[in-house]
Amino acid sequence: MRIDGQLEFLARAIVNRLEDRGVVEFRDAEAGIRVVEHVLAENAVLFDSLEQEARTRLAKTLGEREPSDHELMEEMRRLAAERNTIL
């Protein structure tokens, strides 16, 4: 499944769950799905850019060694805090 298909699937699931629980009601569910899909895509791009910048920063201090998952996540958290972004 392509990433676009995965985002649409997840967006549909989120919209359906919100409507089922009565949290929100969309007049046009497809419009709601598109909005959620757009937000998910924006967040994926943000996450990818944080990861790339974190890898670049860590490469300066670690040299040839690949960062561990923990090191990478900690650096991404620092970057997110600098940008006032929530991971």
Protein backbone atom coordinates (compact mmCIF):
# COMPACT_ATOMS: atom_id res chain seq x y z
CA MET A 1 0.00 0.00 0.00
CA ARG A 2 1.39 3.41 -0.92
CA ILE A 3 1.81 6.08 1.73
CA ASP A 4 -1.09 8.08 0.23
CA GLY A 5 -3.33 5.06 0.59
CA GLN A 6 -2.17 4.54 4.16
CA LEU A 7 -2.88 8.16 5.04
CA GLU A 8 -6.34 7.98 3.52
CA PHE A 9 -7.07 4.73 5.37
CA LEU A 10 -5.92 6.26 8.67
CA ALA A 11 -7.86 9.49 8.02
CA ARG A 12 -11.04 7.49 7.34
CA ALA A 13 -10.53 5.51 10.54
CA ILE A 14 -10.03 8.68 12.58
CA VAL A 15 -13.08 10.42 11.11
CA ASN A 16 -15.23 7.32 11.59
CA ARG A 17 -14.11 6.94 15.19
CA LEU A 18 -14.77 10.62 15.97
CA GLU A 19 -18.24 10.39 14.47
CA ASP A 20 -19.02 7.05 16.16
CA ARG A 21 -18.13 8.48 19.55
CA GLY A 22 -20.13 11.64 18.93
CA VAL A 23 -17.07 13.85 19.34
CA VAL A 24 -17.67 15.55 16.01
CA GLU A 25 -20.17 15.32 13.20
CA PHE A 26 -19.17 16.14 9.66
CA ARG A 27 -21.84 17.27 7.22
CA ASP A 28 -19.64 15.89 4.48
CA ALA A 29 -17.54 12.99 5.74
CA GLU A 30 -15.34 13.05 2.63
CA ALA A 31 -14.41 16.67 3.34
CA GLY A 32 -13.53 15.73 6.91
CA ILE A 33 -11.43 12.84 5.66
CA ARG A 34 -9.53 15.16 3.30
CA VAL A 35 -8.82 17.63 6.13
CA VAL A 36 -7.54 14.87 8.43
CA GLU A 37 -5.51 13.36 5.59
CA HIS A 38 -3.92 16.76 4.89
CA VAL A 39 -2.97 17.24 8.55
CA LEU A 40 -1.49 13.75 8.71
CA ALA A 41 0.57 14.43 5.58
CA GLU A 42 1.86 17.73 7.02
CA ASN A 43 2.84 15.97 10.24
CA ALA A 44 4.67 13.26 8.30
CA VAL A 45 6.69 15.90 6.44
CA LEU A 46 7.51 17.67 9.71
CA PHE A 47 8.57 14.40 11.34
CA ASP A 48 10.79 13.54 8.35
CA SER A 49 12.46 16.95 8.40
CA LEU A 50 13.10 16.67 12.16
CA GLU A 51 14.62 13.22 11.65
CA GLN A 52 16.91 14.42 8.85
CA GLU A 53 18.11 17.43 10.82
CA ALA A 54 18.66 15.28 13.91
CA ARG A 55 20.71 12.82 11.85
CA THR A 56 22.78 15.70 10.46
CA ARG A 57 23.46 17.11 13.92
CA LEU A 58 24.32 13.72 15.35
CA ALA A 59 26.67 12.94 12.45
CA LYS A 60 28.76 15.93 13.50
CA THR A 61 29.27 14.48 16.97
CA LEU A 62 29.17 10.74 16.26
CA GLY A 63 31.19 10.70 13.08
CA GLU A 64 30.76 7.48 11.11
CA ARG A 65 28.69 5.69 13.77
CA GLU A 66 24.94 5.47 13.17
CA PRO A 67 22.93 6.95 16.04
CA SER A 68 20.90 4.58 18.15
CA ASP A 69 17.13 4.90 18.04
CA HIS A 70 17.25 6.46 21.50
CA GLU A 71 19.89 9.04 20.51
CA LEU A 72 17.94 9.91 17.39
CA MET A 73 14.66 10.34 19.27
CA GLU A 74 16.30 12.48 21.95
CA GLU A 75 17.83 14.76 19.32
CA MET A 76 14.47 14.99 17.55
CA ARG A 77 12.85 15.99 20.86
CA ARG A 78 15.47 18.72 21.34
CA LEU A 79 14.84 20.02 17.83
CA ALA A 80 11.08 19.95 18.34
CA ALA A 81 11.46 21.90 21.60
CA GLU A 82 13.62 24.49 19.82
CA ARG A 83 10.90 24.89 17.20
CA ASN A 84 8.05 24.87 19.75
CA THR A 85 6.69 21.75 18.07
CA ILE A 86 5.11 18.77 19.77
CA LEU A 87 6.22 15.31 18.70
